[in-house]
C-alpha cells in the first residue's frame, strides 16, 4: 500500500509564508508525477504546482513567482514553499502522486491540509 502524508498547513497573515510537505511511503518503485492541488469552498480542485516528469514543473498562473515546488527523491517527499500569501490562497491543499510499484501505476491523494490566509 501507498500513503501520502501532508504537513505544514495553518493560519498565516497576508504576506506571510508557509511550507507544506508531503511524504510518500509504502511500496514504491518510482514517482513520475508529484504535486499539489487545492480546493477552496465552493470551487473545483485546481492544480497549484507539480513535477510532471523529466524534471519539468508546472505552476498555476496565480502562484507563479510566489510559490516554489521542490522535492527530495531520497525521501519521496515534495515540498511547497508559499510566499507572499494572499487571502485567495485560502484552501485545503492536497498532495497528489502517480506512483509506480510492482503491480502497476496508481494515482494517490493525501488527506489534505488547511491553509488559511487572514488578518
N, C-alpha and C. Protein backbone atom coordinates (compact mmCIF):
# COMPACT_ATOMS: atom_id res chain seq x y z
N UNK A 1 0.84 -1.19 0.00
CA UNK A 1 0.00 0.00 0.00
C UNK A 1 0.87 1.24 0.00
N UNK A 2 0.29 2.33 -0.46
CA UNK A 2 0.99 3.61 -0.53
C UNK A 2 0.20 4.64 0.26
N UNK A 3 0.93 5.47 0.97
CA UNK A 3 0.30 6.58 1.70
C UNK A 3 1.01 7.88 1.38
N UNK A 4 0.23 8.95 1.33
CA UNK A 4 0.78 10.30 1.23
C UNK A 4 0.39 11.03 2.50
N UNK A 5 1.37 11.56 3.20
CA UNK A 5 1.11 12.26 4.45
C UNK A 5 1.58 13.69 4.31
N UNK A 6 0.64 14.62 4.49
CA UNK A 6 0.94 16.04 4.34
C UNK A 6 1.11 16.70 5.70
N UNK A 7 1.85 17.79 5.72
CA UNK A 7 2.00 18.58 6.93
C UNK A 7 2.37 20.01 6.54
N UNK A 8 2.20 20.93 7.49
CA UNK A 8 2.66 22.29 7.29
C UNK A 8 1.60 23.34 7.09
N UNK A 9 0.34 22.95 7.04
CA UNK A 9 -0.70 23.95 6.88
C UNK A 9 -0.90 24.75 8.15
N UNK A 10 -1.78 25.77 8.06
CA UNK A 10 -2.05 26.57 9.24
C UNK A 10 -2.64 27.92 8.88
N UNK A 11 -2.65 28.79 9.87
CA UNK A 11 -3.17 30.15 9.71
C UNK A 11 -2.00 31.12 9.59
N UNK A 12 -2.06 31.98 8.60
CA UNK A 12 -0.99 32.94 8.37
C UNK A 12 -1.61 34.25 7.91
N UNK A 13 -0.94 35.34 8.23
CA UNK A 13 -1.41 36.66 7.80
C UNK A 13 -1.06 36.91 6.34
N UNK A 14 -1.81 37.75 5.68
CA UNK A 14 -1.46 38.12 4.29
C UNK A 14 -0.03 38.62 4.22
N UNK A 15 0.68 38.16 3.18
CA UNK A 15 2.08 38.49 3.02
C UNK A 15 3.02 37.52 3.69
N UNK A 16 2.48 36.62 4.47
CA UNK A 16 3.30 35.64 5.18
C UNK A 16 3.67 34.44 4.33
N UNK A 17 4.34 33.49 4.97
CA UNK A 17 4.84 32.31 4.27
C UNK A 17 4.47 31.05 5.02
N UNK A 18 4.34 29.98 4.28
CA UNK A 18 4.16 28.64 4.83
C UNK A 18 4.90 27.65 3.93
N UNK A 19 5.28 26.54 4.52
CA UNK A 19 5.91 25.46 3.76
C UNK A 19 5.16 24.17 4.01
N UNK A 20 4.64 23.59 2.93
CA UNK A 20 3.95 22.31 3.03
C UNK A 20 4.90 21.18 2.65
N UNK A 21 4.68 20.05 3.29
CA UNK A 21 5.46 18.84 2.97
C UNK A 21 4.51 17.69 2.70
N UNK A 22 4.92 16.81 1.82
CA UNK A 22 4.15 15.60 1.51
C UNK A 22 5.13 14.46 1.33
N UNK A 23 5.00 13.45 2.18
CA UNK A 23 5.89 12.30 2.12
C UNK A 23 5.11 11.07 1.68
N UNK A 24 5.64 10.40 0.68
CA UNK A 24 5.06 9.15 0.21
C UNK A 24 5.77 7.97 0.86
N UNK A 25 4.98 6.98 1.27
CA UNK A 25 5.57 5.79 1.89
C UNK A 25 4.83 4.55 1.40
N UNK A 26 5.50 3.41 1.56
CA UNK A 26 4.90 2.15 1.13
C UNK A 26 5.72 1.53 0.02
N UNK A 27 5.04 0.73 -0.79
CA UNK A 27 5.71 0.01 -1.87
C UNK A 27 5.82 0.95 -3.07
N UNK A 28 7.01 1.49 -3.26
CA UNK A 28 7.24 2.50 -4.30
C UNK A 28 8.44 2.09 -5.14
N UNK A 29 8.25 2.09 -6.45
CA UNK A 29 9.36 1.89 -7.37
C UNK A 29 9.80 3.24 -7.90
N UNK A 30 8.85 4.02 -8.34
CA UNK A 30 9.16 5.36 -8.84
C UNK A 30 7.93 6.25 -8.70
N UNK A 31 8.18 7.56 -8.75
CA UNK A 31 7.10 8.55 -8.66
C UNK A 31 7.25 9.50 -9.83
N UNK A 32 6.66 9.18 -10.98
CA UNK A 32 6.85 10.02 -12.16
C UNK A 32 6.13 11.35 -12.10
N UNK A 33 5.15 11.48 -11.21
CA UNK A 33 4.39 12.73 -11.10
C UNK A 33 4.08 12.96 -9.64
N UNK A 34 4.32 14.20 -9.15
CA UNK A 34 4.01 14.51 -7.76
C UNK A 34 3.78 16.01 -7.66
N UNK A 35 2.71 16.39 -7.00
CA UNK A 35 2.42 17.80 -6.93
C UNK A 35 1.36 18.15 -5.93
N UNK A 36 0.91 19.40 -6.00
CA UNK A 36 -0.05 19.96 -5.06
C UNK A 36 -1.25 20.53 -5.80
N UNK A 37 -2.41 20.26 -5.24
CA UNK A 37 -3.66 20.82 -5.71
C UNK A 37 -4.30 21.53 -4.52
N UNK A 38 -5.29 22.36 -4.81
CA UNK A 38 -6.03 23.00 -3.71
C UNK A 38 -7.49 23.12 -4.09
N UNK A 39 -8.30 23.18 -3.04
CA UNK A 39 -9.74 23.34 -3.24
C UNK A 39 -10.28 24.31 -2.21
N UNK A 40 -10.80 25.42 -2.70
CA UNK A 40 -11.42 26.42 -1.84
C UNK A 40 -12.91 26.10 -1.74
N UNK A 41 -13.56 26.59 -0.70
CA UNK A 41 -15.01 26.33 -0.54
C UNK A 41 -15.80 26.78 -1.77
N UNK A 42 -16.62 25.89 -2.28
CA UNK A 42 -17.47 26.21 -3.43
C UNK A 42 -16.76 26.20 -4.76
N UNK A 43 -15.50 25.82 -4.78
CA UNK A 43 -14.74 25.81 -6.04
C UNK A 43 -14.21 24.42 -6.34
N UNK A 44 -13.83 24.23 -7.60
CA UNK A 44 -13.26 22.96 -8.01
C UNK A 44 -11.81 22.86 -7.56
N UNK A 45 -11.36 21.64 -7.40
CA UNK A 45 -9.96 21.42 -7.09
C UNK A 45 -9.12 21.83 -8.30
N UNK A 46 -8.01 22.53 -8.00
CA UNK A 46 -7.17 23.04 -9.08
C UNK A 46 -5.70 22.73 -8.81
N UNK A 47 -4.95 22.61 -9.89
CA UNK A 47 -3.52 22.41 -9.78
C UNK A 47 -2.87 23.67 -9.22
N UNK A 48 -1.95 23.47 -8.29
CA UNK A 48 -1.13 24.57 -7.78
C UNK A 48 0.26 24.49 -8.40
N UNK A 49 0.92 23.36 -8.21
CA UNK A 49 2.26 23.16 -8.75
C UNK A 49 2.56 21.68 -8.75
N UNK A 50 3.37 21.24 -9.72
CA UNK A 50 3.67 19.82 -9.80
C UNK A 50 4.95 19.57 -10.57
N UNK A 51 5.60 18.47 -10.23
CA UNK A 51 6.66 17.90 -11.04
C UNK A 51 5.98 16.95 -12.01
N UNK A 52 6.13 17.23 -13.30
CA UNK A 52 5.36 16.49 -14.30
C UNK A 52 6.18 15.43 -15.02
N UNK A 53 7.42 15.24 -14.63
CA UNK A 53 8.26 14.25 -15.28
C UNK A 53 9.41 14.91 -16.02
N UNK A 54 10.52 14.21 -16.06
CA UNK A 54 11.69 14.75 -16.75
C UNK A 54 12.25 16.00 -16.12
N UNK A 55 11.96 16.19 -14.86
CA UNK A 55 12.46 17.37 -14.16
C UNK A 55 11.66 18.62 -14.43
N UNK A 56 10.58 18.51 -15.17
CA UNK A 56 9.76 19.66 -15.51
C UNK A 56 8.78 19.98 -14.39
N UNK A 57 8.44 21.25 -14.29
CA UNK A 57 7.46 21.70 -13.31
C UNK A 57 6.34 22.48 -14.01
N UNK A 58 5.20 22.50 -13.35
CA UNK A 58 4.05 23.23 -13.85
C UNK A 58 3.46 24.01 -12.68
N UNK A 59 3.12 25.26 -12.91
CA UNK A 59 2.55 26.11 -11.87
C UNK A 59 1.27 26.75 -12.37
N UNK A 60 0.32 26.95 -11.47
CA UNK A 60 -0.83 27.77 -11.78
C UNK A 60 -0.37 29.22 -11.96
N UNK A 61 -0.99 29.92 -12.89
CA UNK A 61 -0.60 31.31 -13.13
C UNK A 61 -0.72 32.15 -11.87
N UNK A 62 -1.70 31.83 -11.05
CA UNK A 62 -1.98 32.64 -9.86
C UNK A 62 -0.90 32.54 -8.79
N UNK A 63 -0.02 31.53 -8.89
CA UNK A 63 1.00 31.36 -7.86
C UNK A 63 2.42 31.54 -8.39
N UNK A 64 2.56 31.73 -9.69
CA UNK A 64 3.90 31.90 -10.26
C UNK A 64 4.60 33.10 -9.63
N UNK A 65 5.86 32.88 -9.27
CA UNK A 65 6.64 33.93 -8.64
C UNK A 65 6.46 34.01 -7.14
N UNK A 66 5.49 33.30 -6.60
CA UNK A 66 5.24 33.32 -5.15
C UNK A 66 5.47 31.94 -4.52
N UNK A 67 5.10 30.89 -5.24
CA UNK A 67 5.21 29.52 -4.72
C UNK A 67 6.33 28.80 -5.45
N UNK A 68 7.01 27.92 -4.73
CA UNK A 68 8.07 27.10 -5.32
C UNK A 68 7.90 25.66 -4.88
N UNK A 69 7.88 24.76 -5.84
CA UNK A 69 7.81 23.34 -5.53
C UNK A 69 9.21 22.75 -5.60
N UNK A 70 9.52 21.86 -4.67
CA UNK A 70 10.81 21.18 -4.67
C UNK A 70 10.60 19.76 -4.18
N UNK A 71 11.60 18.92 -4.36
CA UNK A 71 11.44 17.54 -3.93
C UNK A 71 12.75 16.97 -3.46
N UNK A 72 12.63 15.97 -2.59
CA UNK A 72 13.76 15.19 -2.12
C UNK A 72 13.47 13.75 -2.54
N UNK A 73 14.11 13.32 -3.60
CA UNK A 73 13.82 11.98 -4.15
C UNK A 73 14.20 10.87 -3.18
N UNK A 74 15.23 11.09 -2.41
CA UNK A 74 15.68 10.06 -1.47
C UNK A 74 14.63 9.82 -0.38
N UNK A 75 13.85 10.86 -0.09
CA UNK A 75 12.82 10.76 0.95
C UNK A 75 11.42 10.63 0.37
N UNK A 76 11.30 10.55 -0.96
CA UNK A 76 9.98 10.50 -1.62
C UNK A 76 9.08 11.62 -1.11
N UNK A 77 9.65 12.80 -0.99
CA UNK A 77 8.95 13.93 -0.40
C UNK A 77 8.95 15.12 -1.35
N UNK A 78 7.82 15.80 -1.40
CA UNK A 78 7.70 17.02 -2.17
C UNK A 78 7.31 18.15 -1.22
N UNK A 79 7.82 19.33 -1.51
CA UNK A 79 7.57 20.50 -0.67
C UNK A 79 6.92 21.60 -1.50
N UNK A 80 6.19 22.45 -0.84
CA UNK A 80 5.63 23.63 -1.48
C UNK A 80 5.93 24.82 -0.58
N UNK A 81 6.85 25.66 -1.03
CA UNK A 81 7.15 26.89 -0.30
C UNK A 81 6.23 27.98 -0.83
N UNK A 82 5.43 28.53 0.07
CA UNK A 82 4.44 29.53 -0.32
C UNK A 82 4.80 30.86 0.33
N UNK A 83 5.13 31.83 -0.49
CA UNK A 83 5.48 33.17 0.00
C UNK A 83 4.45 34.19 -0.48
N UNK A 84 4.46 35.35 0.14
CA UNK A 84 3.55 36.43 -0.24
C UNK A 84 2.11 35.93 -0.33
N UNK A 85 1.70 35.21 0.68
CA UNK A 85 0.37 34.61 0.66
C UNK A 85 -0.73 35.65 0.66
N UNK A 86 -1.80 35.33 -0.05
CA UNK A 86 -2.96 36.20 -0.19
C UNK A 86 -4.19 35.50 0.37
N UNK A 87 -5.20 36.26 0.75
CA UNK A 87 -6.43 35.61 1.24
C UNK A 87 -7.02 34.62 0.23
N UNK A 88 -6.85 34.89 -1.05
CA UNK A 88 -7.39 33.98 -2.07
C UNK A 88 -6.63 32.67 -2.17
N UNK A 89 -5.52 32.55 -1.46
CA UNK A 89 -4.80 31.27 -1.40
C UNK A 89 -5.42 30.34 -0.35
N UNK A 90 -6.38 30.84 0.40
CA UNK A 90 -7.03 30.02 1.42
C UNK A 90 -7.74 28.83 0.76
N UNK A 91 -7.41 27.64 1.22
CA UNK A 91 -7.98 26.42 0.64
C UNK A 91 -7.45 25.22 1.41
N UNK A 92 -8.02 24.07 1.10
CA UNK A 92 -7.42 22.81 1.54
C UNK A 92 -6.44 22.39 0.44
N UNK A 93 -5.22 22.14 0.83
CA UNK A 93 -4.17 21.76 -0.12
C UNK A 93 -3.97 20.25 -0.05
N UNK A 94 -3.98 19.63 -1.24
CA UNK A 94 -3.86 18.19 -1.34
C UNK A 94 -2.60 17.81 -2.12
N UNK A 95 -1.92 16.82 -1.62
CA UNK A 95 -0.80 16.25 -2.34
C UNK A 95 -1.33 15.15 -3.27
N UNK A 96 -0.78 15.09 -4.47
CA UNK A 96 -1.15 14.06 -5.45
C UNK A 96 0.10 13.45 -6.04
N UNK A 97 0.08 12.15 -6.22
CA UNK A 97 1.24 11.48 -6.80
C UNK A 97 0.81 10.31 -7.66
N UNK A 98 1.48 10.13 -8.77
CA UNK A 98 1.36 8.93 -9.58
C UNK A 98 2.55 8.05 -9.22
N UNK A 99 2.24 6.89 -8.65
CA UNK A 99 3.29 6.07 -8.07
C UNK A 99 3.31 4.71 -8.74
N UNK A 100 4.50 4.31 -9.14
CA UNK A 100 4.69 3.01 -9.76
C UNK A 100 5.24 2.02 -8.75
N UNK A 101 4.60 0.88 -8.65
CA UNK A 101 5.18 -0.22 -7.88
C UNK A 101 5.06 -1.48 -8.72
N UNK A 102 5.31 -2.61 -8.14
CA UNK A 102 5.40 -3.83 -8.93
C UNK A 102 4.06 -4.26 -9.50
N UNK A 103 2.97 -3.67 -9.00
CA UNK A 103 1.65 -4.04 -9.53
C UNK A 103 1.14 -3.04 -10.56
N UNK A 104 1.91 -2.00 -10.84
CA UNK A 104 1.49 -1.04 -11.83
C UNK A 104 1.57 0.39 -11.33
N UNK A 105 0.79 1.26 -11.94
CA UNK A 105 0.79 2.68 -11.59
C UNK A 105 -0.52 3.03 -10.92
N UNK A 106 -0.44 3.75 -9.82
CA UNK A 106 -1.63 4.20 -9.12
C UNK A 106 -1.62 5.70 -8.92
N UNK A 107 -2.81 6.26 -8.78
CA UNK A 107 -2.98 7.68 -8.53
C UNK A 107 -3.41 7.87 -7.07
N UNK A 108 -2.62 8.58 -6.30
CA UNK A 108 -2.84 8.68 -4.86
C UNK A 108 -3.01 10.13 -4.43
N UNK A 109 -3.85 10.31 -3.40
CA UNK A 109 -4.10 11.62 -2.82
C UNK A 109 -3.81 11.59 -1.32
N UNK A 110 -3.31 12.71 -0.82
CA UNK A 110 -3.18 12.87 0.61
C UNK A 110 -4.51 13.27 1.23
N UNK A 111 -4.51 13.41 2.55
CA UNK A 111 -5.75 13.71 3.25
C UNK A 111 -6.11 15.19 3.22
N UNK A 112 -5.16 16.01 2.82
CA UNK A 112 -5.41 17.45 2.74
C UNK A 112 -4.94 18.18 3.98
N UNK A 113 -4.48 19.40 3.78
CA UNK A 113 -4.07 20.25 4.90
C UNK A 113 -4.61 21.65 4.66
N UNK A 114 -5.21 22.22 5.69
CA UNK A 114 -5.87 23.53 5.56
C UNK A 114 -4.84 24.64 5.61
N UNK A 115 -4.96 25.55 4.65
CA UNK A 115 -4.18 26.79 4.66
C UNK A 115 -5.16 27.95 4.70
N UNK A 116 -5.04 28.79 5.71
CA UNK A 116 -5.92 29.93 5.86
C UNK A 116 -5.08 31.20 5.92
N UNK A 117 -5.37 32.12 5.01
CA UNK A 117 -4.64 33.39 4.97
C UNK A 117 -5.63 34.48 5.36
N UNK A 118 -5.39 35.03 6.53
CA UNK A 118 -6.34 36.01 7.07
C UNK A 118 -5.65 36.88 8.10
N UNK A 119 -6.09 38.13 8.18
CA UNK A 119 -5.57 39.03 9.21
C UNK A 119 -6.49 39.01 10.43
